Amino acid sequence: LPPIKEYTPEPVLAPDIESVRDRSVNISRRDDGAYVVEGEWLLRFLRGVNMDDYDSLQYFQRILQTSGVIDSLRNAGVTDGDTVSIFDFEFDFVE
């Protein structure tokens, strides 16, 4: 038998989101009614989030809360069940 290969995972470093000073976002609506959130810092942030991992998803939600993205969505009129799109990631808004 061939030798067993041992794989070691490569660490994925989360972006240093705390150092980002400009956390401004632009919120618009698509023709299908989805809310589109854009911001330069969000793209960098999303690269370090694994949406299939519970802890990583919790981190994502916490950053959206603390950075004011959720409040901005509410001010734009988002309600429960509305689709929110942040670059290539879409989710249903839930209070």
PDB file of N, CA and C in Angstrom:
ATOM      1  N   LEU A   1       0.832  -1.191   0.000  1.00  0.00           N
ATOM      2  CA  LEU A   1       0.000   0.000   0.000  1.00  0.00           C
ATOM      3  C   LEU A   1       0.873   1.250   0.000  1.00  0.00           C
ATOM      4  N   PRO A   2       0.386   2.289  -0.653  1.00  0.00           N
ATOM      5  CA  PRO A   2       1.160   3.538  -0.628  1.00  0.00           C
ATOM      6  C   PRO A   2       1.081   4.176   0.755  1.00  0.00           C
ATOM      7  N   PRO A   3       2.055   4.991   1.080  1.00  0.00           N
ATOM      8  CA  PRO A   3       2.021   5.642   2.396  1.00  0.00           C
ATOM      9  C   PRO A   3       0.818   6.579   2.514  1.00  0.00           C
ATOM     10  N   ILE A   4       0.353   6.726   3.721  1.00  0.00           N
ATOM     11  CA  ILE A   4      -0.788   7.600   3.983  1.00  0.00           C
ATOM     12  C   ILE A   4      -0.320   9.052   3.925  1.00  0.00           C
ATOM     13  N   LYS A   5      -1.044   9.833   3.157  1.00  0.00           N
ATOM     14  CA  LYS A   5      -0.710  11.250   3.060  1.00  0.00           C
ATOM     15  C   LYS A   5      -1.388  11.995   4.202  1.00  0.00           C
ATOM     16  N   GLU A   6      -0.632  12.815   4.851  1.00  0.00           N
ATOM     17  CA  GLU A   6      -1.200  13.644   5.912  1.00  0.00           C
ATOM     18  C   GLU A   6      -1.374  15.053   5.373  1.00  0.00           C
ATOM     19  N   TYR A   7      -2.566  15.552   5.509  1.00  0.00           N
ATOM     20  CA  TYR A   7      -2.865  16.895   5.045  1.00  0.00           C
ATOM     21  C   TYR A   7      -2.976  17.823   6.244  1.00  0.00           C
ATOM     22  N   THR A   8      -2.351  18.942   6.129  1.00  0.00           N
ATOM     23  CA  THR A   8      -2.478  19.950   7.178  1.00  0.00           C
ATOM     24  C   THR A   8      -3.201  21.147   6.579  1.00  0.00           C
ATOM     25  N   PRO A   9      -4.233  21.602   7.242  1.00  0.00           N
ATOM     26  CA  PRO A   9      -4.980  22.735   6.699  1.00  0.00           C
ATOM     27  C   PRO A   9      -4.137  24.003   6.714  1.00  0.00           C
ATOM     28  N   GLU A  10      -4.333  24.789   5.684  1.00  0.00           N
ATOM     29  CA  GLU A  10      -3.655  26.073   5.635  1.00  0.00           C
ATOM     30  C   GLU A  10      -4.514  27.086   6.379  1.00  0.00           C
ATOM     31  N   PRO A  11      -3.917  27.813   7.288  1.00  0.00           N
ATOM     32  CA  PRO A  11      -4.724  28.781   8.037  1.00  0.00           C
ATOM     33  C   PRO A  11      -5.208  29.906   7.126  1.00  0.00           C
ATOM     34  N   VAL A  12      -6.435  30.289   7.340  1.00  0.00           N
ATOM     35  CA  VAL A  12      -7.002  31.421   6.618  1.00  0.00           C
ATOM     36  C   VAL A  12      -7.082  32.564   7.608  1.00  0.00           C
ATOM     37  N   LEU A  13      -6.328  33.584   7.337  1.00  0.00           N
ATOM     38  CA  LEU A  13      -6.303  34.715   8.247  1.00  0.00           C
ATOM     39  C   LEU A  13      -7.490  35.621   7.977  1.00  0.00           C
ATOM     40  N   ALA A  14      -8.228  35.891   9.021  1.00  0.00           N
ATOM     41  CA  ALA A  14      -9.349  36.814   8.893  1.00  0.00           C
ATOM     42  C   ALA A  14      -8.797  38.212   8.694  1.00  0.00           C
ATOM     43  N   PRO A  15      -9.442  38.992   7.855  1.00  0.00           N
ATOM     44  CA  PRO A  15      -8.958  40.350   7.653  1.00  0.00           C
ATOM     45  C   PRO A  15      -9.053  41.144   8.949  1.00  0.00           C
ATOM     46  N   ASP A  16      -8.136  42.059   9.117  1.00  0.00           N
ATOM     47  CA  ASP A  16      -8.134  42.890  10.314  1.00  0.00           C
ATOM     48  C   ASP A  16      -9.186  43.977  10.149  1.00  0.00           C
ATOM     49  N   ILE A  17     -10.424  43.601  10.374  1.00  0.00           N
ATOM     50  CA  ILE A  17     -11.553  44.497  10.143  1.00  0.00           C
ATOM     51  C   ILE A  17     -11.551  45.661  11.125  1.00  0.00           C
ATOM     52  N   GLU A  18     -10.935  45.463  12.279  1.00  0.00           N
ATOM     53  CA  GLU A  18     -10.901  46.528  13.284  1.00  0.00           C
ATOM     54  C   GLU A  18     -10.075  47.720  12.813  1.00  0.00           C
ATOM     55  N   SER A  19      -9.126  47.488  11.906  1.00  0.00           N
ATOM     56  CA  SER A  19      -8.263  48.577  11.453  1.00  0.00           C
ATOM     57  C   SER A  19      -8.892  49.393  10.322  1.00  0.00           C
ATOM     58  N   VAL A  20     -10.012  48.948   9.802  1.00  0.00           N
ATOM     59  CA  VAL A  20     -10.661  49.668   8.709  1.00  0.00           C
ATOM     60  C   VAL A  20     -11.393  50.873   9.283  1.00  0.00           C
ATOM     61  N   ARG A  21     -11.020  52.032   8.827  1.00  0.00           N
ATOM     62  CA  ARG A  21     -11.634  53.255   9.360  1.00  0.00           C
ATOM     63  C   ARG A  21     -12.898  53.634   8.600  1.00  0.00           C
ATOM     64  N   ASP A  22     -12.862  53.477   7.295  1.00  0.00           N
ATOM     65  CA  ASP A  22     -14.016  53.861   6.484  1.00  0.00           C
ATOM     66  C   ASP A  22     -14.918  52.647   6.294  1.00  0.00           C
ATOM     67  N   ARG A  23     -15.956  52.576   7.101  1.00  0.00           N
ATOM     68  CA  ARG A  23     -16.906  51.465   7.002  1.00  0.00           C
ATOM     69  C   ARG A  23     -18.208  51.920   6.357  1.00  0.00           C
ATOM     70  N   SER A  24     -18.096  52.882   5.480  1.00  0.00           N
ATOM     71  CA  SER A  24     -19.302  53.369   4.820  1.00  0.00           C
ATOM     72  C   SER A  24     -19.803  52.330   3.821  1.00  0.00           C
ATOM     73  N   VAL A  25     -21.106  52.314   3.642  1.00  0.00           N
ATOM     74  CA  VAL A  25     -21.722  51.402   2.689  1.00  0.00           C
ATOM     75  C   VAL A  25     -22.708  52.173   1.829  1.00  0.00           C
ATOM     76  N   ASN A  26     -22.945  51.648   0.658  1.00  0.00           N
ATOM     77  CA  ASN A  26     -23.944  52.192  -0.245  1.00  0.00           C
ATOM     78  C   ASN A  26     -25.022  51.128  -0.401  1.00  0.00           C
ATOM     79  N   ILE A  27     -26.269  51.497  -0.149  1.00  0.00           N
ATOM     80  CA  ILE A  27     -27.372  50.543  -0.252  1.00  0.00           C
ATOM     81  C   ILE A  27     -28.303  51.002  -1.359  1.00  0.00           C
ATOM     82  N   SER A  28     -28.586  50.083  -2.267  1.00  0.00           N
ATOM     83  CA  SER A  28     -29.509  50.363  -3.366  1.00  0.00           C
ATOM     84  C   SER A  28     -30.441  49.168  -3.518  1.00  0.00           C
ATOM     85  N   ARG A  29     -31.399  49.296  -4.430  1.00  0.00           N
ATOM     86  CA  ARG A  29     -32.327  48.187  -4.679  1.00  0.00           C
ATOM     87  C   ARG A  29     -32.250  47.778  -6.132  1.00  0.00           C
ATOM     88  N   ARG A  30     -32.271  46.469  -6.339  1.00  0.00           N
ATOM     89  CA  ARG A  30     -32.314  45.938  -7.699  1.00  0.00           C
ATOM     90  C   ARG A  30     -33.755  45.925  -8.180  1.00  0.00           C
ATOM     91  N   ASP A  31     -33.927  45.649  -9.459  1.00  0.00           N
ATOM     92  CA  ASP A  31     -35.268  45.574 -10.039  1.00  0.00           C
ATOM     93  C   ASP A  31     -36.116  44.484  -9.396  1.00  0.00           C
ATOM     94  N   ASP A  32     -35.464  43.420  -8.901  1.00  0.00           N
ATOM     95  CA  ASP A  32     -36.215  42.333  -8.266  1.00  0.00           C
ATOM     96  C   ASP A  32     -36.545  42.629  -6.805  1.00  0.00           C
ATOM     97  N   GLY A  33     -36.171  43.812  -6.310  1.00  0.00           N
ATOM     98  CA  GLY A  33     -36.496  44.222  -4.948  1.00  0.00           C
ATOM     99  C   GLY A  33     -35.429  43.923  -3.917  1.00  0.00           C
ATOM    100  N   ALA A  34     -34.385  43.218  -4.299  1.00  0.00           N
ATOM    101  CA  ALA A  34     -33.322  42.882  -3.349  1.00  0.00           C
ATOM    102  C   ALA A  34     -32.521  44.130  -2.995  1.00  0.00           C
ATOM    103  N   TYR A  35     -32.090  44.192  -1.751  1.00  0.00           N
ATOM    104  CA  TYR A  35     -31.237  45.285  -1.289  1.00  0.00           C
ATOM    105  C   TYR A  35     -29.786  44.911  -1.565  1.00  0.00           C
ATOM    106  N   VAL A  36     -29.060  45.803  -2.201  1.00  0.00           N
ATOM    107  CA  VAL A  36     -27.661  45.566  -2.550  1.00  0.00           C
ATOM    108  C   VAL A  36     -26.793  46.450  -1.663  1.00  0.00           C
ATOM    109  N   VAL A  37     -25.901  45.822  -0.917  1.00  0.00           N
ATOM    110  CA  VAL A  37     -25.005  46.544  -0.016  1.00  0.00           C
ATOM    111  C   VAL A  37     -23.603  46.500  -0.616  1.00  0.00           C
ATOM    112  N   GLU A  38     -23.007  47.676  -0.788  1.00  0.00           N
ATOM    113  CA  GLU A  38     -21.663  47.755  -1.345  1.00  0.00           C
ATOM    114  C   GLU A  38     -20.794  48.632  -0.459  1.00  0.00           C
ATOM    115  N   GLY A  39     -19.566  48.246  -0.355  1.00  0.00           N
ATOM    116  CA  GLY A  39     -18.578  49.004   0.399  1.00  0.00           C
ATOM    117  C   GLY A  39     -17.231  48.336   0.203  1.00  0.00           C
ATOM    118  N   GLU A  40     -16.214  49.134  -0.021  1.00  0.00           N
ATOM    119  CA  GLU A  40     -14.901  48.568  -0.309  1.00  0.00           C
ATOM    120  C   GLU A  40     -14.428  47.634   0.803  1.00  0.00           C
ATOM    121  N   TRP A  41     -14.662  48.015   2.042  1.00  0.00           N
ATOM    122  CA  TRP A  41     -14.206  47.201   3.169  1.00  0.00           C
ATOM    123  C   TRP A  41     -14.956  45.877   3.250  1.00  0.00           C
ATOM    124  N   LEU A  42     -16.206  45.833   2.767  1.00  0.00           N
ATOM    125  CA  LEU A  42     -16.994  44.600   2.831  1.00  0.00           C
ATOM    126  C   LEU A  42     -16.412  43.496   1.956  1.00  0.00           C
ATOM    127  N   LEU A  43     -15.897  43.861   0.802  1.00  0.00           N
ATOM    128  CA  LEU A  43     -15.314  42.855  -0.085  1.00  0.00           C
ATOM    129  C   LEU A  43     -14.120  42.187   0.586  1.00  0.00           C
ATOM    130  N   ARG A  44     -13.269  42.987   1.186  1.00  0.00           N
ATOM    131  CA  ARG A  44     -12.104  42.437   1.891  1.00  0.00           C
ATOM    132  C   ARG A  44     -12.545  41.578   3.076  1.00  0.00           C
ATOM    133  N   PHE A  45     -13.560  42.027   3.756  1.00  0.00           N
ATOM    134  CA  PHE A  45     -14.087  41.301   4.917  1.00  0.00           C
ATOM    135  C   PHE A  45     -14.677  39.948   4.503  1.00  0.00           C
ATOM    136  N   LEU A  46     -15.467  39.935   3.434  1.00  0.00           N
ATOM    137  CA  LEU A  46     -16.127  38.698   3.004  1.00  0.00           C
ATOM    138  C   LEU A  46     -15.143  37.616   2.579  1.00  0.00           C
ATOM    139  N   ARG A  47     -13.995  38.013   2.099  1.00  0.00           N
ATOM    140  CA  ARG A  47     -13.002  37.019   1.673  1.00  0.00           C
ATOM    141  C   ARG A  47     -12.542  36.136   2.832  1.00  0.00           C
ATOM    142  N   GLY A  48     -12.634  36.635   4.050  1.00  0.00           N
ATOM    143  CA  GLY A  48     -12.181  35.873   5.206  1.00  0.00           C
ATOM    144  C   GLY A  48     -13.289  35.155   5.950  1.00  0.00           C
ATOM    145  N   VAL A  49     -14.502  35.176   5.403  1.00  0.00           N
ATOM    146  CA  VAL A  49     -15.635  34.552   6.092  1.00  0.00           C
ATOM    147  C   VAL A  49     -16.024  33.261   5.384  1.00  0.00           C
ATOM    148  N   ASN A  50     -16.134  32.189   6.157  1.00  0.00           N
ATOM    149  CA  ASN A  50     -16.587  30.901   5.638  1.00  0.00           C
ATOM    150  C   ASN A  50     -18.059  30.758   6.006  1.00  0.00           C
ATOM    151  N   MET A  51     -18.939  30.924   5.040  1.00  0.00           N
ATOM    152  CA  MET A  51     -20.374  30.897   5.309  1.00  0.00           C
ATOM    153  C   MET A  51     -20.886  29.505   5.677  1.00  0.00           C
ATOM    154  N   ASP A  52     -20.067  28.480   5.488  1.00  0.00           N
ATOM    155  CA  ASP A  52     -20.457  27.123   5.864  1.00  0.00           C
ATOM    156  C   ASP A  52     -20.080  26.788   7.301  1.00  0.00           C
ATOM    157  N   ASP A  53     -19.375  27.696   7.962  1.00  0.00           N
ATOM    158  CA  ASP A  53     -18.928  27.476   9.336  1.00  0.00           C
ATOM    159  C   ASP A  53     -19.762  28.342  10.278  1.00  0.00           C
ATOM    160  N   TYR A  54     -20.358  27.724  11.293  1.00  0.00           N
ATOM    161  CA  TYR A  54     -21.259  28.427  12.209  1.00  0.00           C
ATOM    162  C   TYR A  54     -20.572  29.610  12.896  1.00  0.00           C
ATOM    163  N   ASP A  55     -19.374  29.394  13.441  1.00  0.00           N
ATOM    164  CA  ASP A  55     -18.676  30.471  14.149  1.00  0.00           C
ATOM    165  C   ASP A  55     -18.323  31.617  13.217  1.00  0.00           C
ATOM    166  N   SER A  56     -17.913  31.289  12.011  1.00  0.00           N
ATOM    167  CA  SER A  56     -17.571  32.314  11.035  1.00  0.00           C
ATOM    168  C   SER A  56     -18.814  33.113  10.638  1.00  0.00           C
ATOM    169  N   LEU A  57     -19.935  32.430  10.500  1.00  0.00           N
ATOM    170  CA  LEU A  57     -21.190  33.104  10.166  1.00  0.00           C
ATOM    171  C   LEU A  57     -21.627  34.027  11.304  1.00  0.00           C
ATOM    172  N   GLN A  58     -21.432  33.593  12.542  1.00  0.00           N
ATOM    173  CA  GLN A  58     -21.746  34.443  13.693  1.00  0.00           C
ATOM    174  C   GLN A  58     -20.871  35.696  13.695  1.00  0.00           C
ATOM    175  N   TYR A  59     -19.604  35.533  13.351  1.00  0.00           N
ATOM    176  CA  TYR A  59     -18.676  36.662  13.252  1.00  0.00           C
ATOM    177  C   TYR A  59     -19.160  37.638  12.182  1.00  0.00           C
ATOM    178  N   PHE A  60     -19.580  37.109  11.043  1.00  0.00           N
ATOM    179  CA  PHE A  60     -20.109  37.924   9.949  1.00  0.00           C
ATOM    180  C   PHE A  60     -21.302  38.754  10.429  1.00  0.00           C
ATOM    181  N   GLN A  61     -22.228  38.115  11.123  1.00  0.00           N
ATOM    182  CA  GLN A  61     -23.408  38.822  11.620  1.00  0.00           C
ATOM    183  C   GLN A  61     -23.031  39.885  12.650  1.00  0.00           C
ATOM    184  N   ARG A  62     -22.081  39.560  13.506  1.00  0.00           N
ATOM    185  CA  ARG A  62     -21.651  40.515  14.535  1.00  0.00           C
ATOM    186  C   ARG A  62     -21.018  41.755  13.900  1.00  0.00           C
ATOM    187  N   ILE A  63     -20.202  41.571  12.880  1.00  0.00           N
ATOM    188  CA  ILE A  63     -19.568  42.709  12.207  1.00  0.00           C
ATOM    189  C   ILE A  63     -20.619  43.558  11.492  1.00  0.00           C
ATOM    190  N   LEU A  64     -21.609  42.920  10.870  1.00  0.00           N
ATOM    191  CA  LEU A  64     -22.674  43.693  10.224  1.00  0.00           C
ATOM    192  C   LEU A  64     -23.421  44.541  11.247  1.00  0.00           C
ATOM    193  N   GLN A  65     -23.620  44.004  12.439  1.00  0.00           N
ATOM    194  CA  GLN A  65     -24.296  44.758  13.504  1.00  0.00           C
ATOM    195  C   GLN A  65     -23.439  45.921  13.988  1.00  0.00           C
ATOM    196  N   THR A  66     -22.200  45.623  14.370  1.00  0.00           N
ATOM    197  CA  THR A  66     -21.356  46.643  15.002  1.00  0.00           C
ATOM    198  C   THR A  66     -20.887  47.719  14.029  1.00  0.00           C
ATOM    199  N   SER A  67     -20.841  47.403  12.749  1.00  0.00           N
ATOM    200  CA  SER A  67     -20.384  48.388  11.767  1.00  0.00           C
ATOM    201  C   SER A  67     -21.509  49.297  11.290  1.00  0.00           C
ATOM    202  N   GLY A  68     -22.746  48.977  11.669  1.00  0.00           N
ATOM    203  CA  GLY A  68     -23.870  49.821  11.284  1.00  0.00           C
ATOM    204  C   GLY A  68     -24.560  49.409   9.997  1.00  0.00           C
ATOM    205  N   VAL A  69     -24.140  48.307   9.393  1.00  0.00           N
ATOM    206  CA  VAL A  69     -24.762  47.862   8.141  1.00  0.00           C
ATOM    207  C   VAL A  69     -26.227  47.500   8.372  1.00  0.00           C
ATOM    208  N   ILE A  70     -26.522  46.807   9.455  1.00  0.00           N
ATOM    209  CA  ILE A  70     -27.907  46.414   9.742  1.00  0.00           C
ATOM    210  C   ILE A  70     -28.779  47.649   9.957  1.00  0.00           C
ATOM    211  N   ASP A  71     -28.273  48.628  10.704  1.00  0.00           N
ATOM    212  CA  ASP A  71     -29.031  49.870  10.909  1.00  0.00           C
ATOM    213  C   ASP A  71     -29.256  50.603   9.590  1.00  0.00           C
ATOM    214  N   SER A  72     -28.252  50.608   8.728  1.00  0.00           N
ATOM    215  CA  SER A  72     -28.389  51.254   7.420  1.00  0.00           C
ATOM    216  C   SER A  72     -29.443  50.547   6.571  1.00  0.00           C
ATOM    217  N   LEU A  73     -29.485  49.222   6.655  1.00  0.00           N
ATOM    218  CA  LEU A  73     -30.507  48.473   5.925  1.00  0.00           C
ATOM    219  C   LEU A  73     -31.901  48.810   6.450  1.00  0.00           C
ATOM    220  N   ARG A  74     -32.031  48.881   7.763  1.00  0.00           N
ATOM    221  CA  ARG A  74     -33.335  49.248   8.345  1.00  0.00           C
ATOM    222  C   ARG A  74     -33.760  50.640   7.879  1.00  0.00           C
ATOM    223  N   ASN A  75     -32.813  51.580   7.875  1.00  0.00           N
ATOM    224  CA  ASN A  75     -33.114  52.942   7.422  1.00  0.00           C
ATOM    225  C   ASN A  75     -33.510  52.976   5.951  1.00  0.00           C
ATOM    226  N   ALA A  76     -32.998  52.017   5.180  1.00  0.00           N
ATOM    227  CA  ALA A  76     -33.335  51.941   3.756  1.00  0.00           C
ATOM    228  C   ALA A  76     -34.683  51.268   3.530  1.00  0.00           C
ATOM    229  N   GLY A  77     -35.267  50.696   4.606  1.00  0.00           N
ATOM    230  CA  GLY A  77     -36.597  50.114   4.500  1.00  0.00           C
ATOM    231  C   GLY A  77     -36.667  48.609   4.447  1.00  0.00           C
ATOM    232  N   VAL A  78     -35.570  47.919   4.733  1.00  0.00           N
ATOM    233  CA  VAL A  78     -35.589  46.459   4.689  1.00  0.00           C
ATOM    234  C   VAL A  78     -36.520  45.913   5.773  1.00  0.00           C
ATOM    235  N   THR A  79     -37.229  44.835   5.444  1.00  0.00           N
ATOM    236  CA  THR A  79     -38.116  44.175   6.401  1.00  0.00           C
ATOM    237  C   THR A  79     -37.837  42.674   6.378  1.00  0.00           C
ATOM    238  N   ASP A  80     -38.403  41.963   7.347  1.00  0.00           N
ATOM    239  CA  ASP A  80     -38.217  40.514   7.429  1.00  0.00           C
ATOM    240  C   ASP A  80     -38.535  39.845   6.095  1.00  0.00           C
ATOM    241  N   GLY A  81     -37.640  38.972   5.674  1.00  0.00           N
ATOM    242  CA  GLY A  81     -37.856  38.209   4.453  1.00  0.00           C
ATOM    243  C   GLY A  81     -37.294  38.851   3.202  1.00  0.00           C
ATOM    244  N   ASP A  82     -36.890  40.128   3.270  1.00  0.00           N
ATOM    245  CA  ASP A  82     -36.302  40.780   2.099  1.00  0.00           C
ATOM    246  C   ASP A  82     -34.934  40.175   1.806  1.00  0.00           C
ATOM    247  N   THR A  83     -34.591  40.106   0.538  1.00  0.00           N
ATOM    248  CA  THR A  83     -33.292  39.590   0.131  1.00  0.00           C
ATOM    249  C   THR A  83     -32.253  40.700   0.210  1.00  0.00           C
ATOM    250  N   VAL A  84     -31.111  40.369   0.808  1.00  0.00           N
ATOM    251  CA  VAL A  84     -29.987  41.299   0.911  1.00  0.00           C
ATOM    252  C   VAL A  84     -28.813  40.670   0.175  1.00  0.00           C
ATOM    253  N   SER A  85     -28.176  41.449  -0.682  1.00  0.00           N
ATOM    254  CA  SER A  85     -27.042  40.965  -1.459  1.00  0.00           C
ATOM    255  C   SER A  85     -25.806  41.781  -1.104  1.00  0.00           C
ATOM    256  N   ILE A  86     -24.766  41.078  -0.673  1.00  0.00           N
ATOM    257  CA  ILE A  86     -23.477  41.715  -0.406  1.00  0.00           C
ATOM    258  C   ILE A  86     -22.471  41.012  -1.309  1.00  0.00           C
ATOM    259  N   PHE A  87     -22.148  41.656  -2.409  1.00  0.00           N
ATOM    260  CA  PHE A  87     -21.305  41.087  -3.463  1.00  0.00           C
ATOM    261  C   PHE A  87     -21.905  39.765  -3.924  1.00  0.00           C
ATOM    262  N   ASP A  88     -21.222  38.634  -3.773  1.00  0.00           N
ATOM    263  CA  ASP A  88     -21.769  37.377  -4.297  1.00  0.00           C
ATOM    264  C   ASP A  88     -22.513  36.565  -3.237  1.00  0.00           C
ATOM    265  N   PHE A  89     -22.774  37.154  -2.083  1.00  0.00           N
ATOM    266  CA  PHE A  89     -23.476  36.455  -1.008  1.00  0.00           C
ATOM    267  C   PHE A  89     -24.853  37.076  -0.808  1.00  0.00           C
ATOM    268  N   GLU A  90     -25.893  36.248  -0.853  1.00  0.00           N
ATOM    269  CA  GLU A  90     -27.258  36.722  -0.639  1.00  0.00           C
ATOM    270  C   GLU A  90     -27.884  35.984   0.530  1.00  0.00           C
ATOM    271  N   PHE A  91     -28.710  36.711   1.285  1.00  0.00           N
ATOM    272  CA  PHE A  91     -29.411  36.104   2.409  1.00  0.00           C
ATOM    273  C   PHE A  91     -30.727  36.825   2.617  1.00  0.00           C
ATOM    274  N   ASP A  92     -31.636  36.163   3.328  1.00  0.00           N
ATOM    275  CA  ASP A  92     -32.916  36.769   3.684  1.00  0.00           C
ATOM    276  C   ASP A  92     -32.748  37.498   5.003  1.00  0.00           C
ATOM    277  N   PHE A  93     -33.195  38.736   5.040  1.00  0.00           N
ATOM    278  CA  PHE A  93     -33.091  39.536   6.256  1.00  0.00           C
ATOM    279  C   PHE A  93     -34.080  39.014   7.287  1.00  0.00           C
ATOM    280  N   VAL A  94     -33.593  38.805   8.513  1.00  0.00           N
ATOM    281  CA  VAL A  94     -34.429  38.332   9.612  1.00  0.00           C
ATOM    282  C   VAL A  94     -34.087  39.151  10.842  1.00  0.00           C
ATOM    283  N   GLU A  95     -35.109  39.705  11.482  1.00  0.00           N
ATOM    284  CA  GLU A  95     -34.893  40.472  12.720  1.00  0.00           C
ATOM    285  C   GLU A  95     -34.599  39.537  13.860  1.00  0.00           C
TER     286      GLU A  95
END
